[in-house]
Amino acid sequence: MTAGFLLFGAGMTVFSVALRRTLGRATALAAVAAGVCTIAVAAVPLDAGYDGLHGTLAGAGYAALVAVPATAVRPLGRQGTVAATVALTATICLLVSVIVEGPVGLFQRLGLTLVDGWIVVTAVGLVRRRPRTVPP
């Protein structure tokens, strides 16, 4: 789990470079914040006795992660509707996972998976749009 968090955090930070060029500074900063928070969560695992700090860092990471598609709405134009829907639905799921008793893990995973899926689709779209050079 820790290795996955570290890789995701690093990946989001690197992904922010492409986001800066295509979707703007706010989206790139949200990606960096999500990456940094994810790395911080990995550094403060639940079983280390810092549950409050872990929860605070995770909450900040959730907010930053949802901010990635939310800040991309305007730069995406018509396609921004999908980003807005993902951001809103993920926000609701993550809030439910924090405030409602019951199957909180389900809502946490739904919210995070929605945003992760949007990130993957966006990354693939950026790669496909990038002009390719043909070697001589």
C-alpha atoms as a PDB file:
ATOM      1  CA  MET A   1       0.000   0.000   0.000  1.00  0.00           C
ATOM      2  CA  THR A   2       2.797   2.395   0.945  1.00  0.00           C
ATOM      3  CA  ALA A   3       4.647   1.772  -2.327  1.00  0.00           C
ATOM      4  CA  GLY A   4       1.437   2.405  -4.269  1.00  0.00           C
ATOM      5  CA  PHE A   5       0.875   5.677  -2.424  1.00  0.00           C
ATOM      6  CA  LEU A   6       4.449   6.786  -3.116  1.00  0.00           C
ATOM      7  CA  LEU A   7       4.193   5.912  -6.818  1.00  0.00           C
ATOM      8  CA  PHE A   8       0.812   7.604  -7.178  1.00  0.00           C
ATOM      9  CA  GLY A   9       2.105  10.714  -5.396  1.00  0.00           C
ATOM     10  CA  ALA A  10       5.161  10.897  -7.611  1.00  0.00           C
ATOM     11  CA  GLY A  11       3.063  10.227 -10.717  1.00  0.00           C
ATOM     12  CA  MET A  12       0.636  13.024  -9.913  1.00  0.00           C
ATOM     13  CA  THR A  13       3.502  15.423  -9.395  1.00  0.00           C
ATOM     14  CA  VAL A  14       5.022  14.504 -12.771  1.00  0.00           C
ATOM     15  CA  PHE A  15       1.574  14.602 -14.427  1.00  0.00           C
ATOM     16  CA  SER A  16       1.200  18.189 -13.223  1.00  0.00           C
ATOM     17  CA  VAL A  17       3.764  19.291 -15.835  1.00  0.00           C
ATOM     18  CA  ALA A  18       1.508  18.148 -18.684  1.00  0.00           C
ATOM     19  CA  LEU A  19      -1.542  19.567 -16.939  1.00  0.00           C
ATOM     20  CA  ARG A  20       0.155  22.963 -16.614  1.00  0.00           C
ATOM     21  CA  ARG A  21       0.748  23.130 -20.345  1.00  0.00           C
ATOM     22  CA  THR A  22      -2.725  21.977 -21.351  1.00  0.00           C
ATOM     23  CA  LEU A  23      -5.238  22.746 -18.592  1.00  0.00           C
ATOM     24  CA  GLY A  24      -3.555  25.563 -16.718  1.00  0.00           C
ATOM     25  CA  ARG A  25      -1.844  26.427 -13.484  1.00  0.00           C
ATOM     26  CA  ALA A  26      -4.741  25.719 -11.117  1.00  0.00           C
ATOM     27  CA  THR A  27      -5.151  22.151 -12.368  1.00  0.00           C
ATOM     28  CA  ALA A  28      -1.407  21.567 -12.178  1.00  0.00           C
ATOM     29  CA  LEU A  29      -1.248  22.908  -8.615  1.00  0.00           C
ATOM     30  CA  ALA A  30      -4.154  20.679  -7.591  1.00  0.00           C
ATOM     31  CA  ALA A  31      -2.283  17.674  -9.007  1.00  0.00           C
ATOM     32  CA  VAL A  32       0.895  18.610  -7.114  1.00  0.00           C
ATOM     33  CA  ALA A  33      -1.093  19.042  -3.898  1.00  0.00           C
ATOM     34  CA  ALA A  34      -2.759  15.654  -4.405  1.00  0.00           C
ATOM     35  CA  GLY A  35       0.631  14.063  -5.003  1.00  0.00           C
ATOM     36  CA  VAL A  36       2.269  15.669  -1.980  1.00  0.00           C
ATOM     37  CA  CYS A  37      -0.668  14.773   0.284  1.00  0.00           C
ATOM     38  CA  THR A  38      -0.602  11.171  -0.931  1.00  0.00           C
ATOM     39  CA  ILE A  39       3.113  10.904  -0.152  1.00  0.00           C
ATOM     40  CA  ALA A  40       2.469  12.466   3.259  1.00  0.00           C
ATOM     41  CA  VAL A  41      -0.289   9.915   3.971  1.00  0.00           C
ATOM     42  CA  ALA A  42       2.189   7.154   3.141  1.00  0.00           C
ATOM     43  CA  ALA A  43       4.671   8.702   5.584  1.00  0.00           C
ATOM     44  CA  VAL A  44       2.088   8.687   8.401  1.00  0.00           C
ATOM     45  CA  PRO A  45       0.393   5.265   8.285  1.00  0.00           C
ATOM     46  CA  LEU A  46      -2.627   4.548  10.464  1.00  0.00           C
ATOM     47  CA  ASP A  47      -0.804   2.049  12.654  1.00  0.00           C
ATOM     48  CA  ALA A  48       1.921   4.576  13.566  1.00  0.00           C
ATOM     49  CA  GLY A  49      -0.245   6.147  16.277  1.00  0.00           C
ATOM     50  CA  TYR A  50      -0.946   9.370  14.386  1.00  0.00           C
ATOM     51  CA  ASP A  51      -4.495   8.616  13.272  1.00  0.00           C
ATOM     52  CA  GLY A  52      -5.596  12.261  13.530  1.00  0.00           C
ATOM     53  CA  LEU A  53      -2.722  13.496  11.377  1.00  0.00           C
ATOM     54  CA  HIS A  54      -3.250  10.648   8.919  1.00  0.00           C
ATOM     55  CA  GLY A  55      -6.927  11.565   8.633  1.00  0.00           C
ATOM     56  CA  THR A  56      -6.161  15.247   8.168  1.00  0.00           C
ATOM     57  CA  LEU A  57      -3.623  14.520   5.426  1.00  0.00           C
ATOM     58  CA  ALA A  58      -6.018  12.095   3.736  1.00  0.00           C
ATOM     59  CA  GLY A  59      -8.797  14.711   3.826  1.00  0.00           C
ATOM     60  CA  ALA A  60      -6.501  17.312   2.294  1.00  0.00           C
ATOM     61  CA  GLY A  61      -5.498  14.766  -0.338  1.00  0.00           C
ATOM     62  CA  TYR A  62      -9.141  14.028  -1.150  1.00  0.00           C
ATOM     63  CA  ALA A  63      -9.855  17.734  -1.569  1.00  0.00           C
ATOM     64  CA  ALA A  64      -6.804  18.218  -3.780  1.00  0.00           C
ATOM     65  CA  LEU A  65      -7.626  15.163  -5.869  1.00  0.00           C
ATOM     66  CA  VAL A  66     -11.208  16.333  -6.483  1.00  0.00           C
ATOM     67  CA  ALA A  67      -9.833  19.784  -7.338  1.00  0.00           C
ATOM     68  CA  VAL A  68      -7.958  18.327 -10.323  1.00  0.00           C
ATOM     69  CA  PRO A  69     -11.055  17.719 -12.485  1.00  0.00           C
ATOM     70  CA  ALA A  70     -12.900  20.639 -10.851  1.00  0.00           C
ATOM     71  CA  THR A  71     -10.249  23.139 -11.960  1.00  0.00           C
ATOM     72  CA  ALA A  72     -10.157  21.608 -15.446  1.00  0.00           C
ATOM     73  CA  VAL A  73     -13.840  22.343 -16.144  1.00  0.00           C
ATOM     74  CA  ARG A  74     -13.343  25.764 -17.749  1.00  0.00           C
ATOM     75  CA  PRO A  75     -10.213  24.943 -19.806  1.00  0.00           C
ATOM     76  CA  LEU A  76     -11.935  21.831 -21.202  1.00  0.00           C
ATOM     77  CA  GLY A  77     -14.846  23.799 -22.649  1.00  0.00           C
ATOM     78  CA  ARG A  78     -17.694  21.463 -23.664  1.00  0.00           C
ATOM     79  CA  GLN A  79     -15.824  18.446 -22.352  1.00  0.00           C
ATOM     80  CA  GLY A  80     -15.714  20.151 -18.977  1.00  0.00           C
ATOM     81  CA  THR A  81     -19.170  18.769 -18.199  1.00  0.00           C
ATOM     82  CA  VAL A  82     -17.640  15.348 -17.617  1.00  0.00           C
ATOM     83  CA  ALA A  83     -14.958  16.820 -15.351  1.00  0.00           C
ATOM     84  CA  ALA A  84     -17.606  18.715 -13.372  1.00  0.00           C
ATOM     85  CA  THR A  85     -19.720  15.567 -12.986  1.00  0.00           C
ATOM     86  CA  VAL A  86     -16.712  13.551 -11.831  1.00  0.00           C
ATOM     87  CA  ALA A  87     -15.676  16.240  -9.343  1.00  0.00           C
ATOM     88  CA  LEU A  88     -19.178  16.626  -7.913  1.00  0.00           C
ATOM     89  CA  THR A  89     -19.897  12.895  -7.666  1.00  0.00           C
ATOM     90  CA  ALA A  90     -16.497  12.162  -6.125  1.00  0.00           C
ATOM     91  CA  THR A  91     -16.978  14.978  -3.608  1.00  0.00           C
ATOM     92  CA  ILE A  92     -20.326  13.555  -2.534  1.00  0.00           C
ATOM     93  CA  CYS A  93     -18.896  10.034  -2.228  1.00  0.00           C
ATOM     94  CA  LEU A  94     -15.890  11.193  -0.199  1.00  0.00           C
ATOM     95  CA  LEU A  95     -18.040  13.324   2.097  1.00  0.00           C
ATOM     96  CA  VAL A  96     -20.379  10.387   2.674  1.00  0.00           C
ATOM     97  CA  SER A  97     -17.362   8.214   3.527  1.00  0.00           C
ATOM     98  CA  VAL A  98     -16.399  10.681   6.260  1.00  0.00           C
ATOM     99  CA  ILE A  99     -19.766  11.653   7.777  1.00  0.00           C
ATOM    100  CA  VAL A 100     -21.986   8.575   7.427  1.00  0.00           C
ATOM    101  CA  GLU A 101     -21.597   5.429   9.461  1.00  0.00           C
ATOM    102  CA  GLY A 102     -21.766   2.191   7.555  1.00  0.00           C
ATOM    103  CA  PRO A 103     -19.930   0.980   4.464  1.00  0.00           C
ATOM    104  CA  VAL A 104     -17.589   4.002   4.350  1.00  0.00           C
ATOM    105  CA  GLY A 105     -14.904   2.103   2.453  1.00  0.00           C
ATOM    106  CA  LEU A 106     -17.292   1.641  -0.447  1.00  0.00           C
ATOM    107  CA  PHE A 107     -17.947   5.366  -0.825  1.00  0.00           C
ATOM    108  CA  GLN A 108     -14.281   6.206  -0.348  1.00  0.00           C
ATOM    109  CA  ARG A 109     -13.297   3.822  -3.121  1.00  0.00           C
ATOM    110  CA  LEU A 110     -16.076   5.008  -5.416  1.00  0.00           C
ATOM    111  CA  GLY A 111     -15.003   8.633  -5.068  1.00  0.00           C
ATOM    112  CA  LEU A 112     -11.318   7.933  -5.489  1.00  0.00           C
ATOM    113  CA  THR A 113     -11.873   5.537  -8.409  1.00  0.00           C
ATOM    114  CA  LEU A 114     -13.995   8.100 -10.255  1.00  0.00           C
ATOM    115  CA  VAL A 115     -11.241  10.702 -10.086  1.00  0.00           C
ATOM    116  CA  ASP A 116      -8.504   8.165 -10.843  1.00  0.00           C
ATOM    117  CA  GLY A 117     -10.422   7.017 -13.917  1.00  0.00           C
ATOM    118  CA  TRP A 118     -10.830  10.613 -15.081  1.00  0.00           C
ATOM    119  CA  ILE A 119      -7.085  11.165 -14.605  1.00  0.00           C
ATOM    120  CA  VAL A 120      -6.239   8.097 -16.706  1.00  0.00           C
ATOM    121  CA  VAL A 121      -8.626   9.102 -19.504  1.00  0.00           C
ATOM    122  CA  THR A 122      -7.272  12.658 -19.440  1.00  0.00           C
ATOM    123  CA  ALA A 123      -3.668  11.443 -19.556  1.00  0.00           C
ATOM    124  CA  VAL A 124      -4.405   9.185 -22.523  1.00  0.00           C
ATOM    125  CA  GLY A 125      -6.137  12.086 -24.264  1.00  0.00           C
ATOM    126  CA  LEU A 126      -3.122  14.325 -23.706  1.00  0.00           C
ATOM    127  CA  VAL A 127      -0.777  11.708 -25.147  1.00  0.00           C
ATOM    128  CA  ARG A 128      -2.997  11.201 -28.192  1.00  0.00           C
ATOM    129  CA  ARG A 129      -3.203  14.938 -28.881  1.00  0.00           C
ATOM    130  CA  ARG A 130       0.529  15.466 -28.592  1.00  0.00           C
ATOM    131  CA  PRO A 131       2.138  15.948 -31.988  1.00  0.00           C
ATOM    132  CA  ARG A 132       4.425  13.075 -32.802  1.00  0.00           C
ATOM    133  CA  THR A 133       7.663  13.505 -34.660  1.00  0.00           C
ATOM    134  CA  VAL A 134       8.623  10.984 -37.279  1.00  0.00           C
ATOM    135  CA  PRO A 135      12.287  10.017 -37.266  1.00  0.00           C
ATOM    136  CA  PRO A 136      14.121  10.806 -40.499  1.00  0.00           C
END
